[in-house]
C-alpha cells in the first residue's frame, strides 16, 4: 500500500520525538562520563557537557593503584553472583509452588508473601536477628535476608500460571516427578522471564550498599559500593591517603563521576546480552491470559 502524506509526516515527527527522548535519556550519563575525564577547573566552572574538558585521568589512576579497590570489586562480583543464584533458586521454587492451584494453603502463602511487601520487622530487629544467626561479617548477611523479591516472585508466578497444564501432564505421564517437570520442562521454556529476573537481582545486588554498611566491619569484606561511598565521604584511608597533595583537589572534583562510571560499567556490559529478553519477560509475567 502507498503511504499517505499524513502518515509520512507522522513518521518524521515520531522519529524526531524518539530521538529527543534518546538524547534526554543519554545526556545525564554522557555528562557523567565527560566529567570523569575532565579537569577540576572546568568541572567547577560548569563548562563540561558531553565532551571532556582538560582531559584528566588522575582519579582513575589513583583508584586503580589501590589494592583495596580491587579486593572490594572482587567481593562485589562474588556477592552478586552468589546472591543472584540464591535469589533465583528461592524465587523460582516459591513461585512455581504457589502457581499450582492444587497446592493446599496457596492463598495463605501468597498473601503471607504479599504482606511482607508492606510490613517488615524493622531495622533493629533485623540487625539483632542477623547477629543472633552469626551472619555478621559474612556474605550471608548480604544475600540471605533479601533472597526473595516479592515483586519478582509475583511476576514469575503469573508466568508459570500461564504455562499450558498439558505440558506438565504429558511429562508426568512420561515419568517425571515435580522437580523433573520444573527443571527439564518449565525452566527451559521460561528463558525470557528468567533472564529478566537475573537482570533485576544482579543489578540489585551490585548496587546494594546499606546491608554491607550495616553488617560488615572489616574493610577487606566491603563491596565496591562501600569503598566508593567512603571515598566520596572522605572517610577512606586507602586511596585518599595514597594520593599526592597535588592530586587531592582533582580527585575531589570528579570523584563522584568516576565512582558512578566504575559502578555501572559491569552492568552496561551485561545488559546487551539480556535486553532482548527484558520486555518479553516483563510482559509475559505481568499479563494474565
C-alpha atoms as a PDB file:
ATOM      1  CA  UNK A   1       0.000   0.000   0.000  1.00  0.00           C
ATOM      2  CA  UNK A   2       1.121   3.519  -0.754  1.00  0.00           C
ATOM      3  CA  UNK A   3       1.724   5.575   2.351  1.00  0.00           C
ATOM      4  CA  UNK A   4      -0.357   8.713   2.694  1.00  0.00           C
ATOM      5  CA  UNK A   5       1.215  12.122   3.179  1.00  0.00           C
ATOM      6  CA  UNK A   6      -0.166  12.404   6.687  1.00  0.00           C
ATOM      7  CA  UNK A   7       1.383   9.047   7.634  1.00  0.00           C
ATOM      8  CA  UNK A   8       4.766  10.127   6.255  1.00  0.00           C
ATOM      9  CA  UNK A   9       4.562  13.328   8.304  1.00  0.00           C
ATOM     10  CA  UNK A  10       3.646  11.266  11.369  1.00  0.00           C
ATOM     11  CA  UNK A  11       6.691   9.003  10.878  1.00  0.00           C
ATOM     12  CA  UNK A  12       9.005  12.009  10.621  1.00  0.00           C
ATOM     13  CA  UNK A  13       7.653  13.606  13.806  1.00  0.00           C
ATOM     14  CA  UNK A  14       7.631  10.253  15.554  1.00  0.00           C
ATOM     15  CA  UNK A  15      11.290   9.668  14.673  1.00  0.00           C
ATOM     16  CA  UNK A  16      12.248  13.159  15.856  1.00  0.00           C
ATOM     17  CA  UNK A  17      10.333  12.683  19.086  1.00  0.00           C
ATOM     18  CA  UNK A  18      12.027   9.348  19.780  1.00  0.00           C
ATOM     19  CA  UNK A  19      15.445  10.845  19.026  1.00  0.00           C
ATOM     20  CA  UNK A  20      14.674  13.620  21.507  1.00  0.00           C
ATOM     21  CA  UNK A  21      13.779  11.027  24.176  1.00  0.00           C
ATOM     22  CA  UNK A  22      17.018   9.132  23.477  1.00  0.00           C
ATOM     23  CA  UNK A  23      19.049  12.337  23.820  1.00  0.00           C
ATOM     24  CA  UNK A  24      17.321  13.344  27.061  1.00  0.00           C
ATOM     25  CA  UNK A  25      17.882   9.840  28.437  1.00  0.00           C
ATOM     26  CA  UNK A  26      21.548   9.607  27.439  1.00  0.00           C
ATOM     27  CA  UNK A  27      22.592  13.160  28.287  1.00  0.00           C
ATOM     28  CA  UNK A  28      22.980  12.671  32.078  1.00  0.00           C
ATOM     29  CA  UNK A  29      25.050   9.525  31.570  1.00  0.00           C
ATOM     30  CA  UNK A  30      27.274  11.085  28.891  1.00  0.00           C
ATOM     31  CA  UNK A  31      27.707  14.151  31.082  1.00  0.00           C
ATOM     32  CA  UNK A  32      28.884  11.979  33.987  1.00  0.00           C
ATOM     33  CA  UNK A  33      31.371  10.176  31.728  1.00  0.00           C
ATOM     34  CA  UNK A  34      32.664  13.502  30.395  1.00  0.00           C
ATOM     35  CA  UNK A  35      33.121  14.872  33.913  1.00  0.00           C
ATOM     36  CA  UNK A  36      35.016  11.765  34.997  1.00  0.00           C
ATOM     37  CA  UNK A  37      37.681  12.566  32.364  1.00  0.00           C
ATOM     38  CA  UNK A  38      37.698  16.357  32.866  1.00  0.00           C
ATOM     39  CA  UNK A  39      39.948  18.563  34.964  1.00  0.00           C
ATOM     40  CA  UNK A  40      38.903  20.262  38.158  1.00  0.00           C
ATOM     41  CA  UNK A  41      38.781  23.847  36.811  1.00  0.00           C
ATOM     42  CA  UNK A  42      36.342  23.005  34.005  1.00  0.00           C
ATOM     43  CA  UNK A  43      34.128  20.916  36.308  1.00  0.00           C
ATOM     44  CA  UNK A  44      33.872  23.618  38.973  1.00  0.00           C
ATOM     45  CA  UNK A  45      33.109  26.291  36.371  1.00  0.00           C
ATOM     46  CA  UNK A  46      30.318  24.173  34.833  1.00  0.00           C
ATOM     47  CA  UNK A  47      31.889  24.022  31.366  1.00  0.00           C
ATOM     48  CA  UNK A  48      31.653  20.246  30.943  1.00  0.00           C
ATOM     49  CA  UNK A  49      28.672  18.961  28.946  1.00  0.00           C
ATOM     50  CA  UNK A  50      29.118  15.993  26.568  1.00  0.00           C
ATOM     51  CA  UNK A  51      32.833  16.292  25.791  1.00  0.00           C
ATOM     52  CA  UNK A  52      35.613  16.093  28.412  1.00  0.00           C
ATOM     53  CA  UNK A  53      37.463  19.369  29.008  1.00  0.00           C
ATOM     54  CA  UNK A  54      41.058  19.386  30.156  1.00  0.00           C
ATOM     55  CA  UNK A  55      41.413  15.612  29.751  1.00  0.00           C
ATOM     56  CA  UNK A  56      42.465  14.105  33.067  1.00  0.00           C
ATOM     57  CA  UNK A  57      42.558  10.532  34.364  1.00  0.00           C
ATOM     58  CA  UNK A  58      44.259  11.136  37.709  1.00  0.00           C
ATOM     59  CA  UNK A  59      41.267   9.905  39.708  1.00  0.00           C
ATOM     60  CA  UNK A  60      41.088   6.678  37.668  1.00  0.00           C
ATOM     61  CA  UNK A  61      44.826   6.151  38.188  1.00  0.00           C
ATOM     62  CA  UNK A  62      44.620   6.832  41.907  1.00  0.00           C
ATOM     63  CA  UNK A  63      41.748   4.391  42.421  1.00  0.00           C
ATOM     64  CA  UNK A  64      43.257   1.673  40.217  1.00  0.00           C
ATOM     65  CA  UNK A  65      46.539   1.768  42.178  1.00  0.00           C
ATOM     66  CA  UNK A  66      44.788   0.917  45.434  1.00  0.00           C
ATOM     67  CA  UNK A  67      44.746  -2.847  46.100  1.00  0.00           C
ATOM     68  CA  UNK A  68      41.749  -2.453  48.422  1.00  0.00           C
ATOM     69  CA  UNK A  69      39.660  -1.221  45.487  1.00  0.00           C
ATOM     70  CA  UNK A  70      40.283  -4.445  43.568  1.00  0.00           C
ATOM     71  CA  UNK A  71      39.627  -6.538  46.678  1.00  0.00           C
ATOM     72  CA  UNK A  72      36.278  -4.813  47.202  1.00  0.00           C
ATOM     73  CA  UNK A  73      35.491  -5.097  43.497  1.00  0.00           C
ATOM     74  CA  UNK A  74      36.111  -8.851  43.675  1.00  0.00           C
ATOM     75  CA  UNK A  75      33.846  -9.010  46.722  1.00  0.00           C
ATOM     76  CA  UNK A  76      31.058  -7.285  44.800  1.00  0.00           C
ATOM     77  CA  UNK A  77      31.345  -9.790  41.953  1.00  0.00           C
ATOM     78  CA  UNK A  78      31.174 -12.700  44.415  1.00  0.00           C
ATOM     79  CA  UNK A  79      28.253 -11.196  46.345  1.00  0.00           C
ATOM     80  CA  UNK A  80      26.372 -10.512  43.117  1.00  0.00           C
ATOM     81  CA  UNK A  81      26.885 -13.970  41.630  1.00  0.00           C
ATOM     82  CA  UNK A  82      26.120 -15.883  44.847  1.00  0.00           C
ATOM     83  CA  UNK A  83      23.212 -13.614  45.759  1.00  0.00           C
ATOM     84  CA  UNK A  84      21.660 -13.857  42.306  1.00  0.00           C
ATOM     85  CA  UNK A  85      21.927 -17.657  42.263  1.00  0.00           C
ATOM     86  CA  UNK A  86      20.338 -17.959  45.700  1.00  0.00           C
ATOM     87  CA  UNK A  87      17.606 -15.460  44.837  1.00  0.00           C
ATOM     88  CA  UNK A  88      16.782 -17.150  41.556  1.00  0.00           C
ATOM     89  CA  UNK A  89      16.590 -20.601  43.164  1.00  0.00           C
ATOM     90  CA  UNK A  90      14.405 -19.459  46.070  1.00  0.00           C
ATOM     91  CA  UNK A  91      12.153 -17.269  43.912  1.00  0.00           C
ATOM     92  CA  UNK A  92      11.683 -19.948  41.261  1.00  0.00           C
ATOM     93  CA  UNK A  93      10.672 -22.767  43.589  1.00  0.00           C
ATOM     94  CA  UNK A  94       8.399 -20.486  45.629  1.00  0.00           C
ATOM     95  CA  UNK A  95       6.707 -19.003  42.547  1.00  0.00           C
ATOM     96  CA  UNK A  96       6.257 -22.409  40.926  1.00  0.00           C
ATOM     97  CA  UNK A  97       4.723 -23.883  44.077  1.00  0.00           C
ATOM     98  CA  UNK A  98       2.120 -21.160  44.643  1.00  0.00           C
ATOM     99  CA  UNK A  99       1.308 -21.066  40.925  1.00  0.00           C
ATOM    100  CA  UNK A 100      -0.263 -24.528  41.278  1.00  0.00           C
ATOM    101  CA  UNK A 101      -3.968 -24.321  42.053  1.00  0.00           C
ATOM    102  CA  UNK A 102      -3.880 -27.742  43.693  1.00  0.00           C
ATOM    103  CA  UNK A 103      -1.493 -26.560  46.418  1.00  0.00           C
ATOM    104  CA  UNK A 104      -3.141 -26.572  49.846  1.00  0.00           C
ATOM    105  CA  UNK A 105      -2.914 -23.182  51.528  1.00  0.00           C
ATOM    106  CA  UNK A 106      -1.959 -21.499  48.247  1.00  0.00           C
ATOM    107  CA  UNK A 107      -3.859 -18.293  49.034  1.00  0.00           C
ATOM    108  CA  UNK A 108      -2.378 -18.129  52.520  1.00  0.00           C
ATOM    109  CA  UNK A 109       1.208 -18.422  51.277  1.00  0.00           C
ATOM    110  CA  UNK A 110       0.547 -15.840  48.570  1.00  0.00           C
ATOM    111  CA  UNK A 111      -0.986 -13.337  50.976  1.00  0.00           C
ATOM    112  CA  UNK A 112       1.761 -14.006  53.520  1.00  0.00           C
ATOM    113  CA  UNK A 113       4.361 -13.151  50.869  1.00  0.00           C
ATOM    114  CA  UNK A 114       2.499 -10.026  49.743  1.00  0.00           C
ATOM    115  CA  UNK A 115       2.156  -8.937  53.377  1.00  0.00           C
ATOM    116  CA  UNK A 116       5.941  -8.627  53.612  1.00  0.00           C
ATOM    117  CA  UNK A 117       5.901  -6.065  50.798  1.00  0.00           C
ATOM    118  CA  UNK A 118       4.100  -3.601  53.061  1.00  0.00           C
ATOM    119  CA  UNK A 119       5.339  -4.520  56.544  1.00  0.00           C
ATOM    120  CA  UNK A 120       8.756  -5.520  57.873  1.00  0.00           C
ATOM    121  CA  UNK A 121      10.290  -6.281  61.246  1.00  0.00           C
ATOM    122  CA  UNK A 122      12.227  -3.020  61.331  1.00  0.00           C
ATOM    123  CA  UNK A 123      15.899  -2.180  61.246  1.00  0.00           C
ATOM    124  CA  UNK A 124      16.811  -3.015  64.855  1.00  0.00           C
ATOM    125  CA  UNK A 125      15.046  -6.434  64.985  1.00  0.00           C
ATOM    126  CA  UNK A 126      16.666  -7.335  61.660  1.00  0.00           C
ATOM    127  CA  UNK A 127      20.078  -6.337  62.969  1.00  0.00           C
ATOM    128  CA  UNK A 128      19.579  -8.364  66.154  1.00  0.00           C
ATOM    129  CA  UNK A 129      18.410 -11.379  64.138  1.00  0.00           C
ATOM    130  CA  UNK A 130      21.376 -11.257  61.749  1.00  0.00           C
ATOM    131  CA  UNK A 131      23.798 -11.111  64.676  1.00  0.00           C
ATOM    132  CA  UNK A 132      21.973 -13.899  66.518  1.00  0.00           C
ATOM    133  CA  UNK A 133      22.292 -16.129  63.448  1.00  0.00           C
ATOM    134  CA  UNK A 134      26.011 -15.402  63.263  1.00  0.00           C
ATOM    135  CA  UNK A 135      25.712 -13.807  59.827  1.00  0.00           C
ATOM    136  CA  UNK A 136      27.517 -10.576  60.728  1.00  0.00           C
ATOM    137  CA  UNK A 137      30.800 -10.021  58.842  1.00  0.00           C
ATOM    138  CA  UNK A 138      29.877 -12.707  56.316  1.00  0.00           C
ATOM    139  CA  UNK A 139      28.415 -12.918  52.842  1.00  0.00           C
ATOM    140  CA  UNK A 140      25.216 -14.449  54.225  1.00  0.00           C
ATOM    141  CA  UNK A 141      24.190 -11.178  55.846  1.00  0.00           C
ATOM    142  CA  UNK A 142      24.019  -9.672  52.352  1.00  0.00           C
ATOM    143  CA  UNK A 143      22.462 -12.449  50.264  1.00  0.00           C
ATOM    144  CA  UNK A 144      20.092 -14.333  52.599  1.00  0.00           C
ATOM    145  CA  UNK A 145      17.741 -11.719  54.181  1.00  0.00           C
ATOM    146  CA  UNK A 146      16.571 -10.336  50.837  1.00  0.00           C
ATOM    147  CA  UNK A 147      16.831 -13.560  48.884  1.00  0.00           C
ATOM    148  CA  UNK A 148      13.262 -13.316  47.556  1.00  0.00           C
ATOM    149  CA  UNK A 149      11.887 -10.164  45.982  1.00  0.00           C
ATOM    150  CA  UNK A 150       8.117 -10.474  46.243  1.00  0.00           C
ATOM    151  CA  UNK A 151       7.643  -8.283  43.163  1.00  0.00           C
ATOM    152  CA  UNK A 152       9.852 -10.604  41.092  1.00  0.00           C
ATOM    153  CA  UNK A 153       8.174 -13.640  42.608  1.00  0.00           C
ATOM    154  CA  UNK A 154       4.707 -12.418  41.605  1.00  0.00           C
ATOM    155  CA  UNK A 155       5.856 -11.796  38.032  1.00  0.00           C
ATOM    156  CA  UNK A 156       7.302 -15.293  37.833  1.00  0.00           C
ATOM    157  CA  UNK A 157       4.184 -16.763  39.451  1.00  0.00           C
ATOM    158  CA  UNK A 158       1.972 -15.166  36.797  1.00  0.00           C
ATOM    159  CA  UNK A 159       4.258 -16.528  34.088  1.00  0.00           C
ATOM    160  CA  UNK A 160       4.084 -20.063  35.449  1.00  0.00           C
ATOM    161  CA  UNK A 161       0.285 -19.829  35.735  1.00  0.00           C
ATOM    162  CA  UNK A 162       0.113 -19.137  32.001  1.00  0.00           C
ATOM    163  CA  UNK A 163       2.052 -22.282  31.081  1.00  0.00           C
ATOM    164  CA  UNK A 164      -0.176 -24.956  29.488  1.00  0.00           C
ATOM    165  CA  UNK A 165      -1.080 -27.642  32.008  1.00  0.00           C
ATOM    166  CA  UNK A 166      -0.983 -30.229  29.218  1.00  0.00           C
ATOM    167  CA  UNK A 167       2.820 -29.955  29.156  1.00  0.00           C
ATOM    168  CA  UNK A 168       3.095 -30.965  32.776  1.00  0.00           C
ATOM    169  CA  UNK A 169       0.520 -33.723  32.402  1.00  0.00           C
ATOM    170  CA  UNK A 170       2.428 -35.208  29.449  1.00  0.00           C
ATOM    171  CA  UNK A 171       5.701 -35.009  31.376  1.00  0.00           C
ATOM    172  CA  UNK A 172       4.104 -36.685  34.395  1.00  0.00           C
ATOM    173  CA  UNK A 173       2.831 -39.500  32.186  1.00  0.00           C
ATOM    174  CA  UNK A 174       6.408 -39.950  30.916  1.00  0.00           C
ATOM    175  CA  UNK A 175       7.544 -40.495  34.497  1.00  0.00           C
ATOM    176  CA  UNK A 176       8.895 -37.125  35.574  1.00  0.00           C
ATOM    177  CA  UNK A 177       8.312 -36.000  39.132  1.00  0.00           C
ATOM    178  CA  UNK A 178       7.603 -32.416  40.215  1.00  0.00           C
ATOM    179  CA  UNK A 179      11.264 -31.373  40.231  1.00  0.00           C
ATOM    180  CA  UNK A 180      11.894 -33.051  36.897  1.00  0.00           C
ATOM    181  CA  UNK A 181       8.959 -31.191  35.345  1.00  0.00           C
ATOM    182  CA  UNK A 182      10.199 -27.878  36.735  1.00  0.00           C
ATOM    183  CA  UNK A 183      13.871 -28.182  35.758  1.00  0.00           C
ATOM    184  CA  UNK A 184      13.522 -30.145  32.498  1.00  0.00           C
ATOM    185  CA  UNK A 185      10.283 -28.780  31.064  1.00  0.00           C
ATOM    186  CA  UNK A 186       9.193 -25.484  32.623  1.00  0.00           C
ATOM    187  CA  UNK A 187      12.502 -23.650  33.085  1.00  0.00           C
ATOM    188  CA  UNK A 188      13.813 -24.278  29.534  1.00  0.00           C
ATOM    189  CA  UNK A 189      10.585 -22.656  28.280  1.00  0.00           C
ATOM    190  CA  UNK A 190      10.974 -19.714  30.664  1.00  0.00           C
ATOM    191  CA  UNK A 191      14.181 -18.145  29.356  1.00  0.00           C
ATOM    192  CA  UNK A 192      12.619 -14.727  28.857  1.00  0.00           C
ATOM    193  CA  UNK A 193      11.284 -14.273  32.385  1.00  0.00           C
ATOM    194  CA  UNK A 194      14.334 -15.985  33.916  1.00  0.00           C
ATOM    195  CA  UNK A 195      16.745 -13.630  32.127  1.00  0.00           C
ATOM    196  CA  UNK A 196      14.670 -10.667  33.274  1.00  0.00           C
ATOM    197  CA  UNK A 197      14.751 -11.817  36.891  1.00  0.00           C
ATOM    198  CA  UNK A 198      18.513 -12.443  36.700  1.00  0.00           C
ATOM    199  CA  UNK A 199      18.975  -8.868  35.498  1.00  0.00           C
ATOM    200  CA  UNK A 200      16.781  -7.470  38.273  1.00  0.00           C
ATOM    201  CA  UNK A 201      18.546  -9.422  41.007  1.00  0.00           C
ATOM    202  CA  UNK A 202      22.054  -8.831  39.658  1.00  0.00           C
ATOM    203  CA  UNK A 203      21.528  -5.064  39.444  1.00  0.00           C
ATOM    204  CA  UNK A 204      20.034  -5.023  42.938  1.00  0.00           C
ATOM    205  CA  UNK A 205      22.943  -6.950  44.479  1.00  0.00           C
ATOM    206  CA  UNK A 206      25.534  -4.971  42.555  1.00  0.00           C
ATOM    207  CA  UNK A 207      24.193  -1.595  43.681  1.00  0.00           C
ATOM    208  CA  UNK A 208      23.428  -2.660  47.255  1.00  0.00           C
ATOM    209  CA  UNK A 209      25.454  -0.915  49.944  1.00  0.00           C
ATOM    210  CA  UNK A 210      23.328  -0.409  53.055  1.00  0.00           C
ATOM    211  CA  UNK A 211      23.309  -4.058  54.264  1.00  0.00           C
ATOM    212  CA  UNK A 212      27.101  -4.128  53.909  1.00  0.00           C
ATOM    213  CA  UNK A 213      27.362  -0.791  55.689  1.00  0.00           C
ATOM    214  CA  UNK A 214      25.230  -2.212  58.497  1.00  0.00           C
ATOM    215  CA  UNK A 215      26.577  -5.747  58.928  1.00  0.00           C
ATOM    216  CA  UNK A 216      30.231  -5.637  57.782  1.00  0.00           C
ATOM    217  CA  UNK A 217      33.029  -4.124  59.873  1.00  0.00           C
ATOM    218  CA  UNK A 218      36.129  -5.360  58.030  1.00  0.00           C
ATOM    219  CA  UNK A 219      37.377  -3.350  55.050  1.00  0.00           C
ATOM    220  CA  UNK A 220      38.518  -6.460  53.217  1.00  0.00           C
ATOM    221  CA  UNK A 221      34.886  -7.674  53.174  1.00  0.00           C
ATOM    222  CA  UNK A 222      33.355  -4.445  51.853  1.00  0.00           C
ATOM    223  CA  UNK A 223      31.720  -4.381  48.406  1.00  0.00           C
ATOM    224  CA  UNK A 224      32.973  -1.757  45.982  1.00  0.00           C
ATOM    225  CA  UNK A 225      29.925   0.428  46.638  1.00  0.00           C
ATOM    226  CA  UNK A 226      31.052   0.930  50.258  1.00  0.00           C
ATOM    227  CA  UNK A 227      34.594   1.665  49.123  1.00  0.00           C
ATOM    228  CA  UNK A 228      33.414   4.293  46.666  1.00  0.00           C
ATOM    229  CA  UNK A 229      30.901   5.698  49.150  1.00  0.00           C
ATOM    230  CA  UNK A 230      33.716   6.144  51.670  1.00  0.00           C
ATOM    231  CA  UNK A 231      35.825   7.860  49.057  1.00  0.00           C
ATOM    232  CA  UNK A 232      33.085  10.356  48.307  1.00  0.00           C
ATOM    233  CA  UNK A 233      32.584  10.979  52.011  1.00  0.00           C
ATOM    234  CA  UNK A 234      36.333  11.331  52.520  1.00  0.00           C
ATOM    235  CA  UNK A 235      36.272   8.501  55.067  1.00  0.00           C
ATOM    236  CA  UNK A 236      38.677   6.048  53.483  1.00  0.00           C
ATOM    237  CA  UNK A 237      42.289   5.848  54.482  1.00  0.00           C
ATOM    238  CA  UNK A 238      43.348   3.980  51.345  1.00  0.00           C
ATOM    239  CA  UNK A 239      43.066   5.878  48.107  1.00  0.00           C
ATOM    240  CA  UNK A 240      42.877   9.353  49.565  1.00  0.00           C
ATOM    241  CA  UNK A 241      45.912   8.765  51.736  1.00  0.00           C
ATOM    242  CA  UNK A 242      47.850   7.311  48.817  1.00  0.00           C
ATOM    243  CA  UNK A 243      47.227  10.310  46.604  1.00  0.00           C
ATOM    244  CA  UNK A 244      49.684  13.158  46.376  1.00  0.00           C
ATOM    245  CA  UNK A 245      48.732  16.598  47.627  1.00  0.00           C
ATOM    246  CA  UNK A 246      48.624  17.916  44.043  1.00  0.00           C
ATOM    247  CA  UNK A 247      46.054  15.296  43.076  1.00  0.00           C
ATOM    248  CA  UNK A 248      43.702  15.651  46.046  1.00  0.00           C
ATOM    249  CA  UNK A 249      41.893  18.663  44.565  1.00  0.00           C
ATOM    250  CA  UNK A 250      41.382  16.958  41.222  1.00  0.00           C
ATOM    251  CA  UNK A 251      40.193  13.742  42.877  1.00  0.00           C
ATOM    252  CA  UNK A 252      37.622  15.579  44.985  1.00  0.00           C
ATOM    253  CA  UNK A 253      36.359  17.406  41.869  1.00  0.00           C
ATOM    254  CA  UNK A 254      35.339  14.357  39.800  1.00  0.00           C
ATOM    255  CA  UNK A 255      35.304  11.504  42.318  1.00  0.00           C
ATOM    256  CA  UNK A 256      31.506  11.239  42.127  1.00  0.00           C
ATOM    257  CA  UNK A 257      31.568  10.923  38.348  1.00  0.00           C
ATOM    258  CA  UNK A 258      34.368   8.364  38.415  1.00  0.00           C
ATOM    259  CA  UNK A 259      32.633   6.243  41.039  1.00  0.00           C
ATOM    260  CA  UNK A 260      29.385   6.253  39.055  1.00  0.00           C
ATOM    261  CA  UNK A 261      31.174   5.137  35.893  1.00  0.00           C
ATOM    262  CA  UNK A 262      33.081   2.370  37.684  1.00  0.00           C
ATOM    263  CA  UNK A 263      29.911   1.139  39.402  1.00  0.00           C
ATOM    264  CA  UNK A 264      27.647   0.929  36.362  1.00  0.00           C
ATOM    265  CA  UNK A 265      30.229  -0.255  33.815  1.00  0.00           C
ATOM    266  CA  UNK A 266      29.851  -4.018  34.504  1.00  0.00           C
ATOM    267  CA  UNK A 267      26.053  -3.786  34.339  1.00  0.00           C
ATOM    268  CA  UNK A 268      26.294  -1.978  30.995  1.00  0.00           C
ATOM    269  CA  UNK A 269      28.459  -4.763  29.599  1.00  0.00           C
ATOM    270  CA  UNK A 270      25.989  -7.462  30.685  1.00  0.00           C
ATOM    271  CA  UNK A 271      22.739  -5.731  29.743  1.00  0.00           C
ATOM    272  CA  UNK A 272      23.075  -6.045  25.913  1.00  0.00           C
ATOM    273  CA  UNK A 273      23.118  -9.828  26.259  1.00  0.00           C
ATOM    274  CA  UNK A 274      19.842  -9.979  28.197  1.00  0.00           C
ATOM    275  CA  UNK A 275      17.953  -6.914  26.983  1.00  0.00           C
ATOM    276  CA  UNK A 276      16.216  -8.875  24.204  1.00  0.00           C
ATOM    277  CA  UNK A 277      14.502 -10.924  26.910  1.00  0.00           C
ATOM    278  CA  UNK A 278      13.669  -7.940  29.089  1.00  0.00           C
ATOM    279  CA  UNK A 279      10.415  -6.626  27.571  1.00  0.00           C
ATOM    280  CA  UNK A 280       9.212 -10.123  26.692  1.00  0.00           C
ATOM    281  CA  UNK A 281       9.798 -11.388  30.217  1.00  0.00           C
ATOM    282  CA  UNK A 282       8.024  -8.460  31.852  1.00  0.00           C
ATOM    283  CA  UNK A 283       5.007  -8.677  29.555  1.00  0.00           C
ATOM    284  CA  UNK A 284       4.662 -12.451  29.823  1.00  0.00           C
ATOM    285  CA  UNK A 285       4.948 -12.344  33.593  1.00  0.00           C
ATOM    286  CA  UNK A 286       2.712  -9.332  34.136  1.00  0.00           C
ATOM    287  CA  UNK A 287      -0.284 -10.098  31.918  1.00  0.00           C
ATOM    288  CA  UNK A 288      -2.539 -12.966  32.926  1.00  0.00           C
ATOM    289  CA  UNK A 289      -4.210 -14.642  29.973  1.00  0.00           C
END
